[in-house]
Amino acid sequence: MIRPWEASPTADFKRRLGKPASELGTTNSSPSCPDIWELDNGDFAVVGRDLTAAYTGRLPDDVSVAQDERIVIIPRVTLIAARSDIPHA
């Protein structure tokens, strides 16, 4: 079955949405920094904690996670800081 959307492995990072984790206080200068990036093809990349296993057994009825997908959690402050950078259309 062909899916209507596929993630492009060749898209490049274009711009950060919001503020860096160091400014938001969500990192201690380690390599684990939650972040949101717009890609040059218009898609978005989210860096966060992979909690797929923790959430899979309690998904809402209309939610599913494919074998090649993950549930990624980011801090609330990361998304709120990105709000003004998220395109409206």
N, C-alpha and C. Protein backbone atom coordinates (compact mmCIF):
# COMPACT_ATOMS: atom_id res chain seq x y z
N MET A 1 0.84 -1.18 0.00
CA MET A 1 0.00 0.00 0.00
C MET A 1 0.89 1.25 0.00
N ILE A 2 0.57 2.18 -0.84
CA ILE A 2 1.31 3.44 -0.93
C ILE A 2 0.65 4.46 0.00
N ARG A 3 1.46 5.07 0.84
CA ARG A 3 0.94 6.08 1.75
C ARG A 3 0.95 7.44 1.06
N PRO A 4 0.00 8.33 1.39
CA PRO A 4 -0.07 9.63 0.73
C PRO A 4 1.07 10.57 1.11
N TRP A 5 1.79 10.29 2.17
CA TRP A 5 2.92 11.12 2.57
C TRP A 5 4.06 10.23 3.04
N GLU A 6 5.26 10.58 2.65
CA GLU A 6 6.46 9.90 3.13
C GLU A 6 7.47 10.96 3.56
N ALA A 7 8.19 10.70 4.62
CA ALA A 7 9.25 11.60 5.07
C ALA A 7 10.44 11.47 4.12
N SER A 8 11.02 12.59 3.75
CA SER A 8 12.16 12.59 2.85
C SER A 8 13.46 12.50 3.65
N PRO A 9 14.26 11.46 3.41
CA PRO A 9 15.53 11.36 4.12
C PRO A 9 16.59 12.31 3.58
N THR A 10 16.30 13.03 2.51
CA THR A 10 17.29 13.93 1.92
C THR A 10 17.02 15.40 2.23
N ALA A 11 15.90 15.71 2.91
CA ALA A 11 15.61 17.10 3.27
C ALA A 11 16.64 17.62 4.27
N ASP A 12 16.97 18.89 4.15
CA ASP A 12 17.95 19.51 5.04
C ASP A 12 17.25 20.41 6.06
N PHE A 13 17.93 20.65 7.18
CA PHE A 13 17.42 21.57 8.19
C PHE A 13 17.48 22.99 7.64
N LYS A 14 16.35 23.71 7.74
CA LYS A 14 16.26 25.07 7.22
C LYS A 14 16.34 26.11 8.35
N ARG A 15 15.45 25.96 9.36
CA ARG A 15 15.45 26.94 10.45
C ARG A 15 14.82 26.35 11.69
N ARG A 16 15.31 26.79 12.83
CA ARG A 16 14.75 26.37 14.11
C ARG A 16 13.45 27.13 14.34
N LEU A 17 12.47 26.46 14.90
CA LEU A 17 11.24 27.12 15.33
C LEU A 17 11.34 27.31 16.83
N GLY A 18 11.17 28.53 17.26
CA GLY A 18 11.27 28.82 18.68
C GLY A 18 12.69 29.15 19.08
N LYS A 19 13.03 28.75 20.30
CA LYS A 19 14.34 29.09 20.88
C LYS A 19 15.13 27.81 21.13
N PRO A 20 16.45 27.93 21.19
CA PRO A 20 17.27 26.75 21.50
C PRO A 20 16.99 26.24 22.92
N ALA A 21 17.21 24.96 23.11
CA ALA A 21 16.97 24.34 24.42
C ALA A 21 17.77 25.02 25.52
N SER A 22 18.95 25.51 25.20
CA SER A 22 19.78 26.19 26.21
C SER A 22 19.09 27.45 26.73
N GLU A 23 18.36 28.14 25.87
CA GLU A 23 17.63 29.35 26.29
C GLU A 23 16.39 29.02 27.09
N LEU A 24 15.79 27.87 26.80
CA LEU A 24 14.54 27.48 27.46
C LEU A 24 14.78 26.72 28.76
N GLY A 25 16.02 26.37 29.03
CA GLY A 25 16.32 25.64 30.26
C GLY A 25 15.95 24.17 30.21
N THR A 26 15.86 23.60 29.00
CA THR A 26 15.48 22.19 28.88
C THR A 26 16.67 21.30 28.55
N THR A 27 17.87 21.79 28.74
CA THR A 27 19.08 20.99 28.54
C THR A 27 20.13 21.43 29.54
N ASN A 28 21.06 20.54 29.78
CA ASN A 28 22.19 20.88 30.65
C ASN A 28 23.48 20.85 29.83
N SER A 29 23.38 21.29 28.58
CA SER A 29 24.49 21.31 27.63
C SER A 29 24.92 19.93 27.18
N SER A 30 24.08 18.94 27.39
CA SER A 30 24.36 17.60 26.89
C SER A 30 23.82 17.49 25.47
N PRO A 31 24.11 16.40 24.79
CA PRO A 31 23.60 16.27 23.41
C PRO A 31 22.09 16.05 23.32
N SER A 32 21.41 15.89 24.46
CA SER A 32 19.97 15.63 24.42
C SER A 32 19.19 16.94 24.55
N CYS A 33 18.88 17.54 23.43
CA CYS A 33 18.22 18.84 23.42
C CYS A 33 16.91 18.78 22.65
N PRO A 34 15.75 18.94 23.31
CA PRO A 34 14.50 18.99 22.56
C PRO A 34 14.49 20.19 21.62
N ASP A 35 13.97 19.98 20.41
CA ASP A 35 14.02 21.04 19.41
C ASP A 35 12.98 20.78 18.33
N ILE A 36 12.62 21.83 17.59
CA ILE A 36 11.72 21.74 16.44
C ILE A 36 12.38 22.49 15.29
N TRP A 37 12.46 21.84 14.14
CA TRP A 37 13.09 22.44 12.96
C TRP A 37 12.19 22.33 11.74
N GLU A 38 12.15 23.39 10.95
CA GLU A 38 11.52 23.33 9.63
C GLU A 38 12.58 22.80 8.66
N LEU A 39 12.17 21.89 7.79
CA LEU A 39 13.07 21.34 6.79
C LEU A 39 12.92 22.11 5.49
N ASP A 40 13.89 21.98 4.60
CA ASP A 40 13.84 22.75 3.35
C ASP A 40 12.74 22.30 2.39
N ASN A 41 12.08 21.19 2.69
CA ASN A 41 10.96 20.75 1.85
C ASN A 41 9.61 21.13 2.47
N GLY A 42 9.64 21.87 3.59
CA GLY A 42 8.41 22.32 4.24
C GLY A 42 7.95 21.43 5.37
N ASP A 43 8.50 20.23 5.52
CA ASP A 43 8.15 19.35 6.63
C ASP A 43 8.86 19.83 7.90
N PHE A 44 8.56 19.18 9.02
CA PHE A 44 9.14 19.56 10.30
C PHE A 44 9.80 18.36 10.96
N ALA A 45 10.91 18.61 11.64
CA ALA A 45 11.60 17.58 12.41
C ALA A 45 11.50 17.95 13.89
N VAL A 46 11.17 16.97 14.72
CA VAL A 46 11.05 17.18 16.15
C VAL A 46 12.07 16.30 16.86
N VAL A 47 12.87 16.91 17.71
CA VAL A 47 13.84 16.18 18.52
C VAL A 47 13.28 16.11 19.93
N GLY A 48 13.06 14.91 20.42
CA GLY A 48 12.51 14.73 21.76
C GLY A 48 12.77 13.33 22.25
N ARG A 49 12.10 12.94 23.31
CA ARG A 49 12.26 11.61 23.88
C ARG A 49 11.32 10.63 23.18
N ASP A 50 11.85 9.48 22.80
CA ASP A 50 11.05 8.42 22.19
C ASP A 50 10.34 7.66 23.30
N LEU A 51 9.03 7.88 23.43
CA LEU A 51 8.22 7.19 24.44
C LEU A 51 7.17 6.31 23.78
N THR A 52 7.47 5.82 22.60
CA THR A 52 6.54 4.98 21.86
C THR A 52 6.07 3.80 22.71
N ALA A 53 6.99 3.09 23.31
CA ALA A 53 6.64 1.91 24.10
C ALA A 53 5.72 2.26 25.27
N ALA A 54 5.95 3.40 25.89
CA ALA A 54 5.14 3.80 27.04
C ALA A 54 3.71 4.18 26.66
N TYR A 55 3.51 4.68 25.44
CA TYR A 55 2.20 5.15 25.02
C TYR A 55 1.42 4.17 24.14
N THR A 56 2.09 3.23 23.51
CA THR A 56 1.43 2.35 22.53
C THR A 56 0.20 1.64 23.07
N GLY A 57 0.22 1.17 24.28
CA GLY A 57 -0.91 0.43 24.85
C GLY A 57 -2.08 1.28 25.26
N ARG A 58 -1.96 2.59 25.18
CA ARG A 58 -3.05 3.46 25.62
C ARG A 58 -3.37 4.57 24.62
N LEU A 59 -3.21 4.27 23.35
CA LEU A 59 -3.53 5.25 22.30
C LEU A 59 -5.04 5.42 22.16
N PRO A 60 -5.49 6.61 21.82
CA PRO A 60 -6.92 6.79 21.50
C PRO A 60 -7.31 5.88 20.34
N ASP A 61 -8.59 5.57 20.22
CA ASP A 61 -9.08 4.63 19.21
C ASP A 61 -8.69 5.01 17.79
N ASP A 62 -8.62 6.30 17.48
CA ASP A 62 -8.34 6.71 16.11
C ASP A 62 -6.87 7.04 15.87
N VAL A 63 -5.97 6.55 16.72
CA VAL A 63 -4.54 6.80 16.58
C VAL A 63 -3.82 5.46 16.42
N SER A 64 -2.89 5.43 15.47
CA SER A 64 -2.05 4.24 15.32
C SER A 64 -0.63 4.70 15.02
N VAL A 65 0.33 3.85 15.33
CA VAL A 65 1.74 4.15 15.11
C VAL A 65 2.31 3.03 14.24
N ALA A 66 2.73 3.39 13.03
CA ALA A 66 3.28 2.40 12.10
C ALA A 66 4.65 1.93 12.59
N GLN A 67 5.13 0.84 12.02
CA GLN A 67 6.42 0.27 12.40
C GLN A 67 7.56 1.28 12.28
N ASP A 68 7.47 2.18 11.31
CA ASP A 68 8.55 3.15 11.09
C ASP A 68 8.25 4.52 11.71
N GLU A 69 7.30 4.57 12.64
CA GLU A 69 6.96 5.82 13.32
C GLU A 69 7.24 5.71 14.81
N ARG A 70 7.41 6.85 15.46
CA ARG A 70 7.66 6.91 16.89
C ARG A 70 6.83 8.03 17.51
N ILE A 71 6.45 7.84 18.75
CA ILE A 71 5.81 8.91 19.52
C ILE A 71 6.94 9.66 20.23
N VAL A 72 7.10 10.93 19.86
CA VAL A 72 8.18 11.74 20.40
C VAL A 72 7.57 12.81 21.30
N ILE A 73 8.10 12.92 22.50
CA ILE A 73 7.59 13.89 23.47
C ILE A 73 8.59 15.04 23.59
N ILE A 74 8.05 16.26 23.58
CA ILE A 74 8.87 17.45 23.79
C ILE A 74 8.27 18.25 24.94
N PRO A 75 9.06 19.07 25.59
CA PRO A 75 8.52 19.90 26.68
C PRO A 75 7.51 20.92 26.15
N ARG A 76 6.53 21.22 26.96
CA ARG A 76 5.51 22.20 26.60
C ARG A 76 6.15 23.53 26.19
N VAL A 77 7.17 23.97 26.95
CA VAL A 77 7.82 25.25 26.68
C VAL A 77 8.44 25.29 25.28
N THR A 78 8.89 24.15 24.77
CA THR A 78 9.50 24.09 23.44
C THR A 78 8.47 24.42 22.36
N LEU A 79 7.29 23.82 22.46
CA LEU A 79 6.24 24.09 21.46
C LEU A 79 5.68 25.49 21.60
N ILE A 80 5.49 25.95 22.82
CA ILE A 80 4.97 27.31 23.01
C ILE A 80 5.94 28.34 22.46
N ALA A 81 7.23 28.13 22.65
CA ALA A 81 8.23 29.07 22.12
C ALA A 81 8.24 29.07 20.60
N ALA A 82 7.82 27.97 19.98
CA ALA A 82 7.81 27.88 18.51
C ALA A 82 6.54 28.42 17.89
N ARG A 83 5.52 28.69 18.69
CA ARG A 83 4.20 29.07 18.16
C ARG A 83 4.28 30.20 17.13
N SER A 84 5.01 31.25 17.39
CA SER A 84 5.05 32.39 16.46
C SER A 84 5.80 32.07 15.17
N ASP A 85 6.61 31.01 15.16
CA ASP A 85 7.36 30.62 13.97
C ASP A 85 6.63 29.60 13.10
N ILE A 86 5.52 29.05 13.59
CA ILE A 86 4.80 28.02 12.84
C ILE A 86 3.92 28.71 11.81
N PRO A 87 4.08 28.34 10.53
CA PRO A 87 3.27 28.97 9.47
C PRO A 87 1.78 28.69 9.68
N HIS A 88 0.96 29.63 9.25
CA HIS A 88 -0.50 29.48 9.36
C HIS A 88 -1.09 28.69 8.21
N ALA A 89 -0.37 28.58 7.12
CA ALA A 89 -0.89 27.83 5.96
C ALA A 89 0.25 27.14 5.24
